[in-house]
Amino acid sequence: MYSFAGPRAGNVAFSGNFNQNVAVAWRIVNTEDIVTTLPIPTPVLAKGSHALTPFGTVLKLLPSLDYERVGSAVSFTTHKGTIEGNHMMDTTIAALNASQDAPSRTAASV
């Protein structure tokens, strides 16, 4: 299975179940694409730490965003100058095509 520029897929249980049941899964990721970093996971704080701080209060109000990635990443780095440009499928296709032209590289740098 191949996925392109996707966000984190699900919680820890989902991720583990997916990785056990899908024999081969590849995530094609532009390291400059913000979408592949979302949703941002909620940090786990030590018991009692930050409990009375504004940060602790905000964390209590947020739902748990314990999302994980699935599959194995194949990453490349291409910065197009905009969030949209970094996320476009054309950007990914160009990087994959460039990596075919240089078989000794493990990640395309376009």
C-alpha atoms as a PDB file:
ATOM      1  CA  MET A   1       0.000   0.000   0.000  1.00  0.00           C
ATOM      2  CA  TYR A   2       1.259   3.465  -0.838  1.00  0.00           C
ATOM      3  CA  SER A   3       0.085   6.714   0.743  1.00  0.00           C
ATOM      4  CA  PHE A   4       1.135  10.182  -0.329  1.00  0.00           C
ATOM      5  CA  ALA A   5       1.456  13.251   1.922  1.00  0.00           C
ATOM      6  CA  GLY A   6      -1.005  11.960   4.503  1.00  0.00           C
ATOM      7  CA  PRO A   7      -1.452  13.085   8.096  1.00  0.00           C
ATOM      8  CA  ARG A   8      -1.021  10.807  11.093  1.00  0.00           C
ATOM      9  CA  ALA A   9      -3.593   8.042  10.672  1.00  0.00           C
ATOM     10  CA  GLY A  10      -4.944   7.051  14.080  1.00  0.00           C
ATOM     11  CA  ASN A  11      -4.266   6.286  17.705  1.00  0.00           C
ATOM     12  CA  VAL A  12      -1.627   3.876  19.003  1.00  0.00           C
ATOM     13  CA  ALA A  13      -3.994   0.874  18.878  1.00  0.00           C
ATOM     14  CA  PHE A  14      -4.992   1.633  15.285  1.00  0.00           C
ATOM     15  CA  SER A  15      -1.391   2.124  14.206  1.00  0.00           C
ATOM     16  CA  GLY A  16      -0.261  -1.146  15.787  1.00  0.00           C
ATOM     17  CA  ASN A  17      -3.180  -3.075  14.290  1.00  0.00           C
ATOM     18  CA  PHE A  18      -2.568  -1.558  10.848  1.00  0.00           C
ATOM     19  CA  ASN A  19       1.154  -2.314  10.888  1.00  0.00           C
ATOM     20  CA  GLN A  20       0.499  -5.936  11.962  1.00  0.00           C
ATOM     21  CA  ASN A  21      -2.160  -6.561   9.307  1.00  0.00           C
ATOM     22  CA  VAL A  22      -0.821  -4.667   6.287  1.00  0.00           C
ATOM     23  CA  ALA A  23       2.258  -6.522   5.109  1.00  0.00           C
ATOM     24  CA  VAL A  24       3.783  -3.704   3.053  1.00  0.00           C
ATOM     25  CA  ALA A  25       2.874  -0.049   3.536  1.00  0.00           C
ATOM     26  CA  TRP A  26       4.914   2.919   2.323  1.00  0.00           C
ATOM     27  CA  ARG A  27       4.344   6.561   3.278  1.00  0.00           C
ATOM     28  CA  ILE A  28       5.738   9.007   0.712  1.00  0.00           C
ATOM     29  CA  VAL A  29       6.608  12.158   2.687  1.00  0.00           C
ATOM     30  CA  ASN A  30       7.999  15.573   1.810  1.00  0.00           C
ATOM     31  CA  THR A  31       9.871  16.672   4.945  1.00  0.00           C
ATOM     32  CA  GLU A  32       8.764  20.261   4.183  1.00  0.00           C
ATOM     33  CA  ASP A  33       5.029  19.369   4.125  1.00  0.00           C
ATOM     34  CA  ILE A  34       3.230  20.389   7.322  1.00  0.00           C
ATOM     35  CA  VAL A  35       0.281  18.049   6.629  1.00  0.00           C
ATOM     36  CA  THR A  36       2.413  14.986   7.377  1.00  0.00           C
ATOM     37  CA  THR A  37       3.032  16.322  10.911  1.00  0.00           C
ATOM     38  CA  LEU A  38      -0.666  16.668  11.765  1.00  0.00           C
ATOM     39  CA  PRO A  39      -2.506  16.280  13.989  1.00  0.00           C
ATOM     40  CA  ILE A  40       0.109  17.451  16.434  1.00  0.00           C
ATOM     41  CA  PRO A  41       0.169  14.928  19.288  1.00  0.00           C
ATOM     42  CA  THR A  42      -0.802  16.021  22.768  1.00  0.00           C
ATOM     43  CA  PRO A  43       2.238  15.763  25.041  1.00  0.00           C
ATOM     44  CA  VAL A  44       2.042  13.517  28.081  1.00  0.00           C
ATOM     45  CA  LEU A  45       3.055  15.461  31.155  1.00  0.00           C
ATOM     46  CA  ALA A  46       4.455  13.996  34.338  1.00  0.00           C
ATOM     47  CA  LYS A  47       1.794  13.757  37.012  1.00  0.00           C
ATOM     48  CA  GLY A  48       1.414  17.116  38.690  1.00  0.00           C
ATOM     49  CA  SER A  49       3.742  19.006  36.379  1.00  0.00           C
ATOM     50  CA  HIS A  50       2.240  22.074  34.736  1.00  0.00           C
ATOM     51  CA  ALA A  51      -1.123  21.252  36.362  1.00  0.00           C
ATOM     52  CA  LEU A  52      -1.722  24.826  37.506  1.00  0.00           C
ATOM     53  CA  THR A  53      -0.061  26.591  34.589  1.00  0.00           C
ATOM     54  CA  PRO A  54      -1.862  28.031  31.554  1.00  0.00           C
ATOM     55  CA  PHE A  55      -0.223  25.284  29.451  1.00  0.00           C
ATOM     56  CA  GLY A  56      -1.604  22.570  31.736  1.00  0.00           C
ATOM     57  CA  THR A  57      -5.061  24.139  31.618  1.00  0.00           C
ATOM     58  CA  VAL A  58      -5.053  24.203  27.813  1.00  0.00           C
ATOM     59  CA  LEU A  59      -3.963  20.553  27.680  1.00  0.00           C
ATOM     60  CA  LYS A  60      -6.872  19.563  29.928  1.00  0.00           C
ATOM     61  CA  LEU A  61      -9.301  21.243  27.523  1.00  0.00           C
ATOM     62  CA  LEU A  62      -7.908  19.530  24.419  1.00  0.00           C
ATOM     63  CA  PRO A  63      -9.009  16.059  23.410  1.00  0.00           C
ATOM     64  CA  SER A  64      -6.207  13.528  23.377  1.00  0.00           C
ATOM     65  CA  LEU A  65      -4.549  13.692  19.989  1.00  0.00           C
ATOM     66  CA  ASP A  66      -2.531  10.534  20.437  1.00  0.00           C
ATOM     67  CA  TYR A  67      -2.157   9.963  16.691  1.00  0.00           C
ATOM     68  CA  GLU A  68       0.581   7.812  15.155  1.00  0.00           C
ATOM     69  CA  ARG A  69       1.959   7.241  11.697  1.00  0.00           C
ATOM     70  CA  VAL A  70       1.554   3.921   9.904  1.00  0.00           C
ATOM     71  CA  GLY A  71       3.826   2.134   7.441  1.00  0.00           C
ATOM     72  CA  SER A  72       7.413   2.907   6.530  1.00  0.00           C
ATOM     73  CA  ALA A  73       8.410   6.414   5.460  1.00  0.00           C
ATOM     74  CA  VAL A  74      10.087   7.186   2.159  1.00  0.00           C
ATOM     75  CA  SER A  75      11.041  10.822   2.534  1.00  0.00           C
ATOM     76  CA  PHE A  76      12.362  13.545   0.300  1.00  0.00           C
ATOM     77  CA  THR A  77      12.973  17.249   0.826  1.00  0.00           C
ATOM     78  CA  THR A  78      11.583  19.829  -1.578  1.00  0.00           C
ATOM     79  CA  HIS A  79      10.707  23.335  -0.443  1.00  0.00           C
ATOM     80  CA  LYS A  80       8.380  25.187  -2.820  1.00  0.00           C
ATOM     81  CA  GLY A  81       7.964  28.293  -0.647  1.00  0.00           C
ATOM     82  CA  THR A  82       4.328  27.747   0.332  1.00  0.00           C
ATOM     83  CA  ILE A  83       2.347  25.249   2.397  1.00  0.00           C
ATOM     84  CA  GLU A  84       0.289  24.413  -0.689  1.00  0.00           C
ATOM     85  CA  GLY A  85       3.355  23.998  -2.906  1.00  0.00           C
ATOM     86  CA  ASN A  86       5.021  21.663  -0.417  1.00  0.00           C
ATOM     87  CA  HIS A  87       1.859  19.503  -0.254  1.00  0.00           C
ATOM     88  CA  MET A  88       1.028  19.268  -3.983  1.00  0.00           C
ATOM     89  CA  MET A  89       1.056  15.877  -5.683  1.00  0.00           C
ATOM     90  CA  ASP A  90       3.087  17.385  -8.540  1.00  0.00           C
ATOM     91  CA  THR A  91       5.869  18.109  -6.020  1.00  0.00           C
ATOM     92  CA  THR A  92       5.871  14.463  -4.903  1.00  0.00           C
ATOM     93  CA  ILE A  93       5.830  13.111  -8.470  1.00  0.00           C
ATOM     94  CA  ALA A  94       8.747  15.355  -9.470  1.00  0.00           C
ATOM     95  CA  ALA A  95      10.776  14.152  -6.467  1.00  0.00           C
ATOM     96  CA  LEU A  96      10.014  10.491  -7.213  1.00  0.00           C
ATOM     97  CA  ASN A  97      10.981  10.957 -10.854  1.00  0.00           C
ATOM     98  CA  ALA A  98      14.219  12.671  -9.808  1.00  0.00           C
ATOM     99  CA  SER A  99      15.052   9.766  -7.504  1.00  0.00           C
ATOM    100  CA  GLN A 100      14.716   7.339 -10.443  1.00  0.00           C
ATOM    101  CA  ASP A 101      17.356   9.356 -12.299  1.00  0.00           C
ATOM    102  CA  ALA A 102      19.783   8.907  -9.391  1.00  0.00           C
ATOM    103  CA  PRO A 103      19.435   5.279  -8.183  1.00  0.00           C
ATOM    104  CA  SER A 104      22.310   5.557  -5.714  1.00  0.00           C
ATOM    105  CA  ARG A 105      20.369   8.085  -3.591  1.00  0.00           C
ATOM    106  CA  THR A 106      17.975   6.901  -0.905  1.00  0.00           C
ATOM    107  CA  ALA A 107      15.999  10.142  -0.793  1.00  0.00           C
ATOM    108  CA  ALA A 108      15.445  12.675  -3.551  1.00  0.00           C
ATOM    109  CA  SER A 109      16.590  16.219  -3.004  1.00  0.00           C
ATOM    110  CA  VAL A 110      14.987  18.426  -5.608  1.00  0.00           C
END
